[in-house]
Amino acid sequence: MTKQPTDLDNKAVFEQLWGITKELHQKLEARFQLHPDPSVEDLQEYSSLDGNMKGSLTTFSGKEIDWLVHSWLGNPEKSNFSTMRLTTWLKSHIQVPHLAFEFGTLPNANIFFYIDYIPRTQLLTDLAYLDRYYEPVNQTFLKLQDDSRLKVFTSKSVYLRLFQSPVSLCYTGAPTFEILELTRTLAYETLDRWLTWVDAAEPVPEDARKALAARDLALRRTSAERDPGNKFAAQMFGSKLTDKLVRSLWGGDRISH
């Protein structure tokens, strides 16, 4: 941890970031009817083989939400590494992008955040979709690129770089109050904008919904299975638990539909 007077200890940083995800989740619960999926009841508390890393994963679905994942992993009292996510996958009644938040702390003690809208069409050719959902975020994207307090986080995985949208907000920064407040502000702006899109969205034609749902599921499954972090998770938790965690991210064991 860099010794700056505005820095927080790792536990405080973890609690601040987890607090942001809980606030976002509460806003989603206030807007949507969400029901927990029983398939992950045994993942609400789990730990690594050596007991040094702990985690929690819950999933939800509802009339408008196909799959929502709310999870954390870490042990802020013993490790600088932690990760938490809140990912919301819509049903195929509308074509608004899915919503992704991931926050964490890194071994070098920096904060990490990933905030994005997951496209549900080919942006290279669907220019109306690009202009409607991604152009409004472009100025924020460009502003953060010039923010000297932040460093762009570039995944080593070709697939994960492809998965991210052109306006993906994916950065690391020092664990300071101002960076935490910036993260909170960006997250709230992203969620509030997304909720206005959901409220204003035109329905997808009935005959197009099956194909859209199949695309969504394939994307969700592939992004979970190709996460390069899975190999490290297998070392910590064993392959059996890791496989279940990965399936839970895309709904492979889901009971609700």
Protein backbone atom coordinates (compact mmCIF):
# COMPACT_ATOMS: atom_id res chain seq x y z
CA MET A 1 0.00 0.00 0.00
CA THR A 2 1.42 3.36 -0.98
CA LYS A 3 1.79 5.53 2.10
CA GLN A 4 -0.40 8.48 1.22
CA PRO A 5 -2.40 10.27 3.91
CA THR A 6 -5.58 9.87 1.85
CA ASP A 7 -5.12 6.11 1.44
CA LEU A 8 -7.38 3.63 3.21
CA ASP A 9 -6.38 0.28 4.61
CA ASN A 10 -7.38 -2.72 2.52
CA LYS A 11 -10.33 -3.74 4.66
CA ALA A 12 -11.80 -0.25 4.49
CA VAL A 13 -11.35 -0.18 0.70
CA PHE A 14 -13.02 -3.58 0.36
CA GLU A 15 -15.96 -2.46 2.49
CA GLN A 16 -16.35 0.75 0.48
CA LEU A 17 -16.39 -1.12 -2.84
CA TRP A 18 -18.71 -3.82 -1.57
CA GLY A 19 -20.93 -1.08 -0.21
CA ILE A 20 -21.18 0.41 -3.71
CA THR A 21 -22.27 -2.92 -5.20
CA LYS A 22 -24.88 -3.34 -2.46
CA GLU A 23 -26.24 0.16 -3.11
CA LEU A 24 -26.49 -0.59 -6.83
CA HIS A 25 -28.16 -3.92 -6.12
CA GLN A 26 -30.70 -2.23 -3.87
CA LYS A 27 -31.59 0.20 -6.67
CA LEU A 28 -32.12 -2.73 -9.01
CA GLU A 29 -34.28 -4.51 -6.44
CA ALA A 30 -36.39 -1.37 -6.09
CA ARG A 31 -36.99 -1.27 -9.87
CA PHE A 32 -37.34 -4.97 -10.74
CA GLN A 33 -39.03 -7.97 -9.18
CA LEU A 34 -36.07 -10.23 -8.39
CA HIS A 35 -36.21 -13.74 -7.01
CA PRO A 36 -33.11 -15.57 -5.69
CA ASP A 37 -32.27 -18.75 -7.54
CA PRO A 38 -32.04 -21.80 -5.23
CA SER A 39 -29.27 -23.37 -7.33
CA VAL A 40 -26.62 -21.27 -5.58
CA GLU A 41 -27.76 -21.53 -1.98
CA ASP A 42 -24.57 -23.40 -1.07
CA LEU A 43 -22.46 -20.58 -2.57
CA GLN A 44 -23.67 -17.85 -0.24
CA GLU A 45 -20.63 -18.70 1.87
CA TYR A 46 -17.64 -20.63 0.53
CA SER A 47 -13.90 -20.69 1.11
CA SER A 48 -10.66 -21.79 -0.50
CA LEU A 49 -8.95 -25.10 0.15
CA ASP A 50 -6.60 -23.48 2.67
CA GLY A 51 -9.33 -21.32 4.20
CA ASN A 52 -7.53 -18.07 3.41
CA MET A 53 -9.93 -16.84 0.74
CA LYS A 54 -13.67 -16.52 1.19
CA GLY A 55 -16.52 -15.65 -1.08
CA SER A 56 -20.24 -15.29 -1.60
CA LEU A 57 -22.34 -15.59 -4.75
CA THR A 58 -26.06 -15.03 -5.16
CA THR A 59 -28.11 -15.03 -8.36
CA PHE A 60 -31.55 -13.68 -9.20
CA SER A 61 -34.06 -13.67 -12.02
CA GLY A 62 -37.43 -12.07 -12.66
CA LYS A 63 -40.00 -10.99 -15.20
CA GLU A 64 -37.60 -8.59 -16.94
CA ILE A 65 -34.23 -9.90 -15.70
CA ASP A 66 -32.99 -13.21 -17.06
CA TRP A 67 -29.96 -13.55 -14.76
CA LEU A 68 -28.38 -11.26 -12.18
CA VAL A 69 -25.15 -12.16 -10.37
CA HIS A 70 -24.06 -10.44 -7.16
CA SER A 71 -20.82 -11.79 -5.71
CA TRP A 72 -17.60 -11.08 -3.87
CA LEU A 73 -14.35 -12.93 -3.33
CA GLY A 74 -11.43 -12.10 -1.07
CA ASN A 75 -10.15 -11.79 2.47
CA PRO A 76 -9.26 -8.14 3.11
CA GLU A 77 -7.62 -8.90 6.44
CA LYS A 78 -5.15 -11.33 4.89
CA SER A 79 -4.79 -10.35 1.22
CA ASN A 80 -4.70 -7.26 -0.97
CA PHE A 81 -6.63 -9.10 -3.68
CA SER A 82 -10.42 -9.02 -3.85
CA THR A 83 -13.06 -8.91 -6.56
CA MET A 84 -16.78 -8.31 -6.60
CA ARG A 85 -19.33 -8.11 -9.36
CA LEU A 86 -22.87 -7.13 -10.13
CA THR A 87 -23.92 -8.21 -13.60
CA THR A 88 -27.47 -7.85 -14.91
CA TRP A 89 -28.62 -9.75 -18.00
CA LEU A 90 -31.96 -8.67 -19.40
CA LYS A 91 -34.57 -10.91 -20.95
CA SER A 92 -35.18 -10.73 -24.68
CA HIS A 93 -38.35 -8.57 -24.49
CA ILE A 94 -36.12 -5.53 -25.05
CA GLN A 95 -32.68 -5.10 -26.61
CA VAL A 96 -31.13 -2.62 -24.17
CA PRO A 97 -27.51 -3.60 -23.42
CA HIS A 98 -26.81 -5.74 -20.39
CA LEU A 99 -25.17 -4.04 -17.41
CA ALA A 100 -21.81 -4.99 -15.89
CA PHE A 101 -20.00 -3.78 -12.78
CA GLU A 102 -16.84 -5.29 -11.37
CA PHE A 103 -14.75 -3.76 -8.60
CA GLY A 104 -11.78 -5.00 -6.67
CA THR A 105 -8.42 -4.51 -5.03
CA LEU A 106 -5.22 -5.74 -6.63
CA PRO A 107 -2.05 -7.28 -5.16
CA ASN A 108 -0.28 -3.94 -5.68
CA ALA A 109 -3.00 -2.39 -3.45
CA ASN A 110 -4.64 -0.39 -6.23
CA ILE A 111 -8.37 -0.20 -6.80
CA PHE A 112 -9.82 -1.78 -9.96
CA PHE A 113 -13.13 -0.98 -11.61
CA TYR A 114 -14.86 -2.22 -14.74
CA ILE A 115 -18.16 -0.57 -15.73
CA ASP A 116 -19.77 -1.40 -19.04
CA TYR A 117 -22.85 -1.91 -21.18
CA ILE A 118 -22.70 -5.33 -22.86
CA PRO A 119 -23.84 -5.03 -26.51
CA ARG A 120 -26.64 -7.25 -27.79
CA THR A 121 -26.03 -6.67 -31.47
CA GLN A 122 -23.14 -6.13 -33.90
CA LEU A 123 -22.02 -2.58 -33.26
CA LEU A 124 -19.94 -2.37 -36.43
CA THR A 125 -23.08 -2.56 -38.56
CA ASP A 126 -25.96 -1.61 -36.23
CA LEU A 127 -25.12 2.09 -36.16
CA ALA A 128 -28.45 3.16 -34.70
CA TYR A 129 -27.77 0.94 -31.66
CA LEU A 130 -24.23 2.30 -31.41
CA ASP A 131 -25.42 5.89 -31.50
CA ARG A 132 -28.26 5.30 -29.05
CA TYR A 133 -26.42 3.40 -26.33
CA TYR A 134 -22.69 4.03 -26.72
CA GLU A 135 -22.27 7.54 -28.06
CA PRO A 136 -23.73 9.01 -24.81
CA VAL A 137 -20.87 7.43 -22.83
CA ASN A 138 -18.09 8.46 -25.18
CA GLN A 139 -17.33 11.80 -23.51
CA THR A 140 -17.01 10.07 -20.12
CA PHE A 141 -14.72 7.48 -21.70
CA LEU A 142 -12.50 10.16 -23.24
CA LYS A 143 -12.43 12.21 -20.04
CA LEU A 144 -11.23 9.22 -18.00
CA GLN A 145 -8.56 8.47 -20.60
CA ASP A 146 -7.04 11.84 -19.74
CA ASP A 147 -7.37 11.45 -15.95
CA SER A 148 -3.82 11.23 -14.57
CA ARG A 149 -5.08 9.50 -11.40
CA LEU A 150 -6.18 6.46 -13.39
CA LYS A 151 -4.39 3.82 -15.43
CA VAL A 152 -6.19 1.92 -18.16
CA PHE A 153 -6.50 -1.78 -17.31
CA THR A 154 -5.87 -3.89 -20.40
CA SER A 155 -6.69 -7.59 -20.16
CA LYS A 156 -4.15 -10.03 -21.56
CA SER A 157 -7.07 -12.09 -22.90
CA VAL A 158 -8.03 -11.39 -26.52
CA TYR A 159 -11.55 -12.60 -25.80
CA LEU A 160 -12.06 -10.30 -22.81
CA ARG A 161 -10.83 -7.31 -24.80
CA LEU A 162 -13.31 -8.25 -27.53
CA PHE A 163 -16.09 -8.67 -24.94
CA GLN A 164 -15.69 -5.11 -23.69
CA SER A 165 -17.62 -2.36 -25.45
CA PRO A 166 -15.86 0.58 -27.16
CA VAL A 167 -16.72 2.79 -24.15
CA SER A 168 -15.83 0.30 -21.44
CA LEU A 169 -14.61 2.04 -18.28
CA CYS A 170 -11.83 -0.24 -17.05
CA TYR A 171 -9.16 1.31 -14.83
CA THR A 172 -6.95 1.01 -11.80
CA GLY A 173 -6.06 3.76 -9.37
CA ALA A 174 -4.68 4.46 -5.92
CA PRO A 175 -6.96 3.47 -3.00
CA THR A 176 -7.91 7.02 -2.10
CA PHE A 177 -11.18 8.58 -1.03
CA GLU A 178 -11.36 10.58 -4.25
CA ILE A 179 -10.93 7.52 -6.47
CA LEU A 180 -13.56 5.66 -4.47
CA GLU A 181 -15.94 8.59 -4.85
CA LEU A 182 -15.21 8.73 -8.58
CA THR A 183 -15.98 5.02 -8.83
CA ARG A 184 -19.27 5.48 -6.97
CA THR A 185 -20.26 8.46 -9.15
CA LEU A 186 -19.50 6.61 -12.39
CA ALA A 187 -21.40 3.55 -11.21
CA TYR A 188 -24.50 5.54 -10.28
CA GLU A 189 -24.44 7.49 -13.55
CA THR A 190 -24.15 4.23 -15.48
CA LEU A 191 -27.02 2.57 -13.62
CA ASP A 192 -29.33 5.60 -13.77
CA ARG A 193 -28.74 6.02 -17.51
CA TRP A 194 -29.42 2.32 -18.05
CA LEU A 195 -32.68 2.46 -16.09
CA THR A 196 -33.95 5.29 -18.32
CA TRP A 197 -33.13 3.13 -21.36
CA VAL A 198 -35.02 0.19 -19.93
CA ASP A 199 -38.06 2.36 -19.22
CA ALA A 200 -38.04 3.85 -22.73
CA ALA A 201 -37.21 0.67 -24.68
CA GLU A 202 -39.41 -0.54 -27.50
CA PRO A 203 -40.41 -4.23 -27.27
CA VAL A 204 -38.51 -6.72 -29.39
CA PRO A 205 -40.83 -8.42 -31.94
CA GLU A 206 -42.02 -11.79 -30.68
CA ASP A 207 -40.45 -13.66 -33.59
CA ALA A 208 -37.00 -12.19 -32.82
CA ARG A 209 -36.89 -12.92 -29.09
CA LYS A 210 -35.80 -16.55 -29.25
CA ALA A 211 -32.70 -15.73 -31.31
CA LEU A 212 -31.81 -12.82 -29.04
CA ALA A 213 -32.16 -14.99 -25.92
CA ALA A 214 -29.93 -17.66 -27.49
CA ARG A 215 -27.29 -15.05 -28.31
CA ASP A 216 -27.44 -13.65 -24.78
CA LEU A 217 -27.00 -17.08 -23.21
CA ALA A 218 -24.10 -18.00 -25.50
CA LEU A 219 -22.37 -14.72 -24.66
CA ARG A 220 -22.95 -15.13 -20.94
CA ARG A 221 -21.65 -18.70 -20.95
CA THR A 222 -18.61 -18.00 -23.09
CA SER A 223 -17.58 -14.94 -21.08
CA ALA A 224 -17.79 -16.97 -17.86
CA GLU A 225 -15.94 -19.99 -19.21
CA ARG A 226 -13.17 -18.01 -20.92
CA ASP A 227 -12.33 -15.79 -17.97
CA PRO A 228 -8.55 -16.19 -17.48
CA GLY A 229 -9.09 -15.91 -13.72
CA ASN A 230 -10.71 -19.35 -13.69
CA LYS A 231 -7.36 -21.14 -13.63
CA PHE A 232 -6.32 -19.22 -10.50
CA ALA A 233 -9.68 -19.93 -8.92
CA ALA A 234 -9.15 -23.66 -9.55
CA GLN A 235 -5.83 -23.48 -7.69
CA MET A 236 -7.52 -21.81 -4.70
CA PHE A 237 -10.85 -23.61 -4.58
CA GLY A 238 -10.30 -26.86 -6.47
CA SER A 239 -11.80 -27.72 -9.84
CA LYS A 240 -15.18 -28.95 -8.55
CA LEU A 241 -16.10 -25.74 -6.70
CA THR A 242 -14.61 -23.58 -9.45
CA ASP A 243 -16.69 -25.34 -12.09
CA LYS A 244 -19.82 -24.69 -10.03
CA LEU A 245 -18.91 -21.03 -9.58
CA VAL A 246 -18.40 -20.63 -13.33
CA ARG A 247 -21.72 -22.38 -14.10
CA SER A 248 -23.43 -20.09 -11.62
CA LEU A 249 -22.18 -17.02 -13.50
CA TRP A 250 -24.07 -18.06 -16.62
CA GLY A 251 -26.92 -20.03 -15.05
CA GLY A 252 -25.86 -23.54 -15.95
CA ASP A 253 -27.55 -25.02 -12.86
CA ARG A 254 -30.44 -22.56 -12.67
CA ILE A 255 -33.79 -23.69 -11.29
CA SER A 256 -35.86 -20.59 -12.06
CA HIS A 257 -36.75 -19.60 -15.61
